């Protein structure tokens, strides 16, 4: 039996959790803005097709202390980022180039 081809080559989940109790969370660090930026850029680049890239919101990924965070599947590569420049680098190098961005990677 062969392995089915995934519908998307990459699936990116941005944690956009907002903690009501004031503890550190990804939403405090512009996670929604960064998610929207990557969604827009993948559309502009024609990557939002089957076999391409899907960018989604995730609830809490339970790594807010390291945040903001995003994870890319199918590899399960975790990233942190500070601004849209970092998000663009992840897009260009990982999602387009297939190369992980070590300076932004988180363990796990």
N, C-alpha and C. Protein backbone atom coordinates (compact mmCIF):
# COMPACT_ATOMS: atom_id res chain seq x y z
N UNK A 1 0.84 -1.17 0.00
CA UNK A 1 0.00 0.00 0.00
C UNK A 1 0.89 1.25 0.00
N UNK A 2 0.62 2.18 -0.87
CA UNK A 2 1.42 3.40 -0.95
C UNK A 2 0.89 4.47 -0.01
N UNK A 3 1.79 5.38 0.35
CA UNK A 3 1.42 6.50 1.21
C UNK A 3 0.69 7.53 0.36
N UNK A 4 -0.47 8.00 0.82
CA UNK A 4 -1.20 8.99 0.02
C UNK A 4 -0.44 10.33 -0.02
N UNK A 5 -0.60 11.03 -1.12
CA UNK A 5 0.00 12.35 -1.26
C UNK A 5 -0.79 13.33 -0.39
N UNK A 6 -0.11 14.11 0.44
CA UNK A 6 -0.84 15.07 1.28
C UNK A 6 -1.49 16.15 0.42
N UNK A 7 -2.62 16.65 0.89
CA UNK A 7 -3.34 17.70 0.16
C UNK A 7 -2.49 18.96 0.07
N UNK A 8 -1.81 19.31 1.17
CA UNK A 8 -0.88 20.44 1.19
C UNK A 8 0.51 19.91 1.46
N UNK A 9 1.51 20.51 0.83
CA UNK A 9 2.90 20.14 1.10
C UNK A 9 3.27 20.57 2.52
N UNK A 10 2.84 21.80 2.89
CA UNK A 10 3.11 22.32 4.22
C UNK A 10 1.84 22.89 4.82
N UNK A 11 1.69 22.66 6.10
CA UNK A 11 0.57 23.22 6.87
C UNK A 11 1.18 23.98 8.03
N UNK A 12 0.94 25.29 8.09
CA UNK A 12 1.54 26.17 9.08
C UNK A 12 0.47 26.58 10.09
N UNK A 13 0.75 26.34 11.35
CA UNK A 13 -0.17 26.73 12.42
C UNK A 13 0.48 27.82 13.27
N UNK A 14 -0.18 28.96 13.36
CA UNK A 14 0.26 30.07 14.21
C UNK A 14 -0.55 30.04 15.48
N UNK A 15 0.14 29.96 16.63
CA UNK A 15 -0.55 30.09 17.90
C UNK A 15 -0.99 31.54 18.03
N UNK A 16 -2.27 31.75 18.27
CA UNK A 16 -2.81 33.10 18.46
C UNK A 16 -3.52 33.19 19.81
N UNK A 17 -3.09 32.36 20.74
CA UNK A 17 -3.73 32.29 22.05
C UNK A 17 -3.62 33.61 22.80
N UNK A 18 -4.72 34.00 23.44
CA UNK A 18 -4.76 35.16 24.32
C UNK A 18 -5.19 34.68 25.69
N UNK A 19 -4.30 34.81 26.67
CA UNK A 19 -4.60 34.38 28.03
C UNK A 19 -5.25 35.51 28.80
N UNK A 20 -6.42 35.26 29.32
CA UNK A 20 -7.19 36.28 30.04
C UNK A 20 -6.53 36.68 31.36
N UNK A 21 -5.70 35.80 31.92
CA UNK A 21 -5.10 36.10 33.22
C UNK A 21 -3.82 36.94 33.13
N UNK A 22 -3.44 37.33 31.93
CA UNK A 22 -2.28 38.19 31.76
C UNK A 22 -0.95 37.48 31.61
N UNK A 23 -0.93 36.14 31.75
CA UNK A 23 0.34 35.42 31.55
C UNK A 23 0.78 35.59 30.10
N UNK A 24 2.08 35.44 29.89
CA UNK A 24 2.64 35.59 28.54
C UNK A 24 1.91 34.68 27.56
N UNK A 25 1.60 35.25 26.40
CA UNK A 25 0.93 34.47 25.36
C UNK A 25 1.31 35.02 23.99
N UNK A 26 1.10 34.22 22.98
CA UNK A 26 1.51 34.57 21.62
C UNK A 26 0.77 35.79 21.09
N UNK A 27 -0.49 35.94 21.44
CA UNK A 27 -1.26 37.07 20.92
C UNK A 27 -0.71 38.41 21.40
N UNK A 28 -0.05 38.42 22.56
CA UNK A 28 0.57 39.66 23.07
C UNK A 28 1.73 40.11 22.19
N UNK A 29 2.22 39.23 21.35
CA UNK A 29 3.39 39.49 20.52
C UNK A 29 3.06 39.58 19.04
N UNK A 30 1.82 39.95 18.72
CA UNK A 30 1.45 40.18 17.33
C UNK A 30 1.24 38.94 16.50
N UNK A 31 0.90 37.83 17.12
CA UNK A 31 0.76 36.58 16.39
C UNK A 31 -0.30 36.65 15.29
N UNK A 32 -1.41 37.31 15.54
CA UNK A 32 -2.46 37.41 14.51
C UNK A 32 -1.99 38.23 13.32
N UNK A 33 -1.26 39.28 13.58
CA UNK A 33 -0.72 40.11 12.49
C UNK A 33 0.27 39.29 11.66
N UNK A 34 1.12 38.52 12.32
CA UNK A 34 2.10 37.68 11.62
C UNK A 34 1.41 36.59 10.81
N UNK A 35 0.38 35.98 11.39
CA UNK A 35 -0.39 34.97 10.66
C UNK A 35 -1.02 35.58 9.41
N UNK A 36 -1.64 36.75 9.58
CA UNK A 36 -2.27 37.41 8.43
C UNK A 36 -1.24 37.77 7.36
N UNK A 37 -0.06 38.20 7.79
CA UNK A 37 1.02 38.51 6.85
C UNK A 37 1.39 37.28 6.05
N UNK A 38 1.60 36.14 6.72
CA UNK A 38 1.99 34.94 5.98
C UNK A 38 0.86 34.47 5.06
N UNK A 39 -0.38 34.55 5.53
CA UNK A 39 -1.51 34.17 4.66
C UNK A 39 -1.52 35.02 3.39
N UNK A 40 -1.33 36.32 3.55
CA UNK A 40 -1.34 37.22 2.40
C UNK A 40 -0.18 36.92 1.46
N UNK A 41 1.00 36.71 2.02
CA UNK A 41 2.19 36.43 1.18
C UNK A 41 2.05 35.11 0.44
N UNK A 42 1.51 34.07 1.08
CA UNK A 42 1.34 32.80 0.36
C UNK A 42 0.33 32.95 -0.77
N UNK A 43 -0.69 33.76 -0.57
CA UNK A 43 -1.65 34.03 -1.66
C UNK A 43 -0.97 34.79 -2.79
N UNK A 44 -0.22 35.85 -2.45
CA UNK A 44 0.47 36.64 -3.46
C UNK A 44 1.43 35.80 -4.30
N UNK A 45 2.06 34.82 -3.66
CA UNK A 45 3.04 33.97 -4.33
C UNK A 45 2.42 32.75 -5.00
N UNK A 46 1.11 32.61 -4.93
CA UNK A 46 0.43 31.49 -5.58
C UNK A 46 0.66 30.15 -4.92
N UNK A 47 0.92 30.16 -3.62
CA UNK A 47 1.21 28.93 -2.90
C UNK A 47 -0.01 28.28 -2.25
N UNK A 48 -1.17 28.93 -2.30
CA UNK A 48 -2.36 28.45 -1.57
C UNK A 48 -3.20 27.54 -2.44
N UNK A 49 -2.58 26.53 -2.98
CA UNK A 49 -3.26 25.56 -3.84
C UNK A 49 -2.98 24.16 -3.31
N UNK A 50 -3.75 23.17 -3.75
CA UNK A 50 -3.40 21.80 -3.38
C UNK A 50 -1.94 21.52 -3.76
N UNK A 51 -1.23 20.90 -2.84
CA UNK A 51 0.19 20.65 -3.04
C UNK A 51 1.06 21.81 -2.61
N UNK A 52 0.43 22.87 -2.12
CA UNK A 52 1.14 24.08 -1.71
C UNK A 52 1.16 24.25 -0.21
N UNK A 53 0.75 25.43 0.24
CA UNK A 53 0.86 25.81 1.64
C UNK A 53 -0.49 26.25 2.18
N UNK A 54 -0.81 25.80 3.37
CA UNK A 54 -2.00 26.26 4.08
C UNK A 54 -1.56 26.88 5.38
N UNK A 55 -2.04 28.09 5.67
CA UNK A 55 -1.71 28.81 6.90
C UNK A 55 -2.97 28.88 7.74
N UNK A 56 -2.89 28.43 8.99
CA UNK A 56 -4.04 28.40 9.87
C UNK A 56 -3.74 28.98 11.24
N UNK A 57 -4.83 29.34 11.91
CA UNK A 57 -4.78 29.74 13.30
C UNK A 57 -4.86 28.49 14.17
N UNK A 58 -4.09 28.51 15.22
CA UNK A 58 -4.20 27.44 16.21
C UNK A 58 -4.56 28.09 17.54
N UNK A 59 -5.27 27.38 18.34
CA UNK A 59 -5.46 27.83 19.71
C UNK A 59 -4.13 27.69 20.42
N UNK A 60 -4.14 27.53 21.68
CA UNK A 60 -2.90 27.43 22.44
C UNK A 60 -2.12 26.18 22.03
N UNK A 61 -0.87 26.39 21.68
CA UNK A 61 0.03 25.27 21.37
C UNK A 61 0.89 24.91 22.58
N UNK A 62 0.61 25.55 23.72
CA UNK A 62 1.24 25.27 25.00
C UNK A 62 2.75 25.57 25.01
N UNK A 63 3.15 26.56 24.18
CA UNK A 63 4.55 26.99 24.19
C UNK A 63 4.62 28.52 24.24
N UNK A 64 3.63 29.13 24.84
CA UNK A 64 3.54 30.59 24.88
C UNK A 64 4.76 31.23 25.53
N UNK A 65 5.39 30.55 26.47
CA UNK A 65 6.57 31.09 27.12
C UNK A 65 7.74 31.26 26.17
N UNK A 66 7.70 30.58 25.03
CA UNK A 66 8.75 30.68 24.02
C UNK A 66 8.29 31.53 22.84
N UNK A 67 7.11 32.09 22.96
CA UNK A 67 6.41 32.69 21.84
C UNK A 67 6.84 34.08 21.46
N UNK A 68 6.28 34.47 20.35
CA UNK A 68 5.24 33.80 19.61
C UNK A 68 5.79 32.58 18.88
N UNK A 69 4.90 31.60 18.64
CA UNK A 69 5.33 30.36 18.01
C UNK A 69 4.43 30.00 16.84
N UNK A 70 5.04 29.25 15.91
CA UNK A 70 4.33 28.63 14.80
C UNK A 70 4.97 27.27 14.59
N UNK A 71 4.20 26.35 14.06
CA UNK A 71 4.72 25.02 13.77
C UNK A 71 4.34 24.65 12.35
N UNK A 72 5.27 24.01 11.65
CA UNK A 72 5.05 23.61 10.26
C UNK A 72 5.03 22.10 10.19
N UNK A 73 3.95 21.58 9.62
CA UNK A 73 3.82 20.14 9.38
C UNK A 73 3.89 19.89 7.89
N UNK A 74 4.39 18.73 7.47
CA UNK A 74 4.40 17.49 8.21
C UNK A 74 5.63 17.25 9.08
N UNK A 75 6.67 18.09 8.97
CA UNK A 75 7.88 17.81 9.75
C UNK A 75 7.73 18.04 11.24
N UNK A 76 6.84 18.96 11.63
CA UNK A 76 6.74 19.32 13.03
C UNK A 76 7.86 20.27 13.44
N UNK A 77 8.23 21.17 12.55
CA UNK A 77 9.28 22.15 12.83
C UNK A 77 8.68 23.35 13.53
N UNK A 78 9.19 23.65 14.71
CA UNK A 78 8.71 24.75 15.54
C UNK A 78 9.58 25.97 15.34
N UNK A 79 8.92 27.13 15.23
CA UNK A 79 9.63 28.40 15.07
C UNK A 79 9.10 29.44 16.05
N UNK A 80 9.98 30.37 16.39
CA UNK A 80 9.59 31.63 16.99
C UNK A 80 9.97 32.70 16.00
N UNK A 81 9.43 33.88 16.15
CA UNK A 81 9.70 34.98 15.22
C UNK A 81 9.45 36.28 15.97
N UNK A 82 10.05 37.34 15.49
CA UNK A 82 9.88 38.64 16.15
C UNK A 82 9.06 39.61 15.30
N UNK A 83 9.12 39.46 13.99
CA UNK A 83 8.47 40.42 13.11
C UNK A 83 8.23 39.78 11.75
N UNK A 84 7.67 40.58 10.83
CA UNK A 84 7.35 40.06 9.51
C UNK A 84 8.59 39.72 8.70
N UNK A 85 9.73 40.32 9.03
CA UNK A 85 10.98 39.95 8.37
C UNK A 85 11.32 38.49 8.69
N UNK A 86 11.16 38.09 9.94
CA UNK A 86 11.39 36.69 10.32
C UNK A 86 10.37 35.77 9.64
N UNK A 87 9.12 36.17 9.61
CA UNK A 87 8.07 35.36 8.97
C UNK A 87 8.37 35.20 7.48
N UNK A 88 8.80 36.26 6.84
CA UNK A 88 9.17 36.19 5.42
C UNK A 88 10.35 35.25 5.21
N UNK A 89 11.30 35.27 6.12
CA UNK A 89 12.45 34.36 6.00
C UNK A 89 12.00 32.91 6.12
N UNK A 90 11.10 32.62 7.04
CA UNK A 90 10.55 31.26 7.17
C UNK A 90 9.83 30.87 5.88
N UNK A 91 9.06 31.79 5.34
CA UNK A 91 8.34 31.54 4.10
C UNK A 91 9.30 31.23 2.95
N UNK A 92 10.27 32.09 2.75
CA UNK A 92 11.20 31.94 1.63
C UNK A 92 12.11 30.72 1.77
N UNK A 93 12.70 30.58 2.93
CA UNK A 93 13.69 29.51 3.10
C UNK A 93 13.07 28.16 3.37
N UNK A 94 12.05 28.07 4.23
CA UNK A 94 11.48 26.76 4.57
C UNK A 94 10.38 26.37 3.58
N UNK A 95 9.37 27.20 3.45
CA UNK A 95 8.21 26.81 2.65
C UNK A 95 8.48 26.81 1.16
N UNK A 96 9.34 27.68 0.69
CA UNK A 96 9.68 27.69 -0.74
C UNK A 96 10.96 26.92 -0.99
N UNK A 97 11.98 27.17 -0.19
CA UNK A 97 13.29 26.56 -0.43
C UNK A 97 13.51 25.20 0.20
N UNK A 98 12.65 24.80 1.14
CA UNK A 98 12.80 23.50 1.78
C UNK A 98 13.91 23.43 2.81
N UNK A 99 14.41 24.58 3.24
CA UNK A 99 15.52 24.65 4.19
C UNK A 99 15.02 25.21 5.52
N UNK A 100 15.31 24.54 6.59
CA UNK A 100 14.90 25.05 7.91
C UNK A 100 15.72 26.28 8.28
N UNK A 101 15.09 27.17 9.04
CA UNK A 101 15.74 28.42 9.46
C UNK A 101 16.21 28.20 10.90
N UNK A 102 17.45 27.75 11.03
CA UNK A 102 17.96 27.34 12.35
C UNK A 102 17.93 28.45 13.38
N UNK A 103 18.18 29.69 13.01
CA UNK A 103 18.24 30.77 14.00
C UNK A 103 16.88 31.04 14.64
N UNK A 104 15.79 30.60 14.01
CA UNK A 104 14.44 30.81 14.54
C UNK A 104 13.80 29.54 15.07
N UNK A 105 14.48 28.41 14.93
CA UNK A 105 13.90 27.13 15.36
C UNK A 105 13.88 26.99 16.86
N UNK A 106 12.82 26.32 17.30
CA UNK A 106 12.69 25.92 18.70
C UNK A 106 12.89 24.41 18.77
N UNK A 107 13.36 23.90 19.89
CA UNK A 107 13.48 22.44 20.02
C UNK A 107 12.11 21.79 19.98
N UNK A 108 12.10 20.58 19.49
CA UNK A 108 10.86 19.83 19.56
C UNK A 108 10.26 19.54 18.29
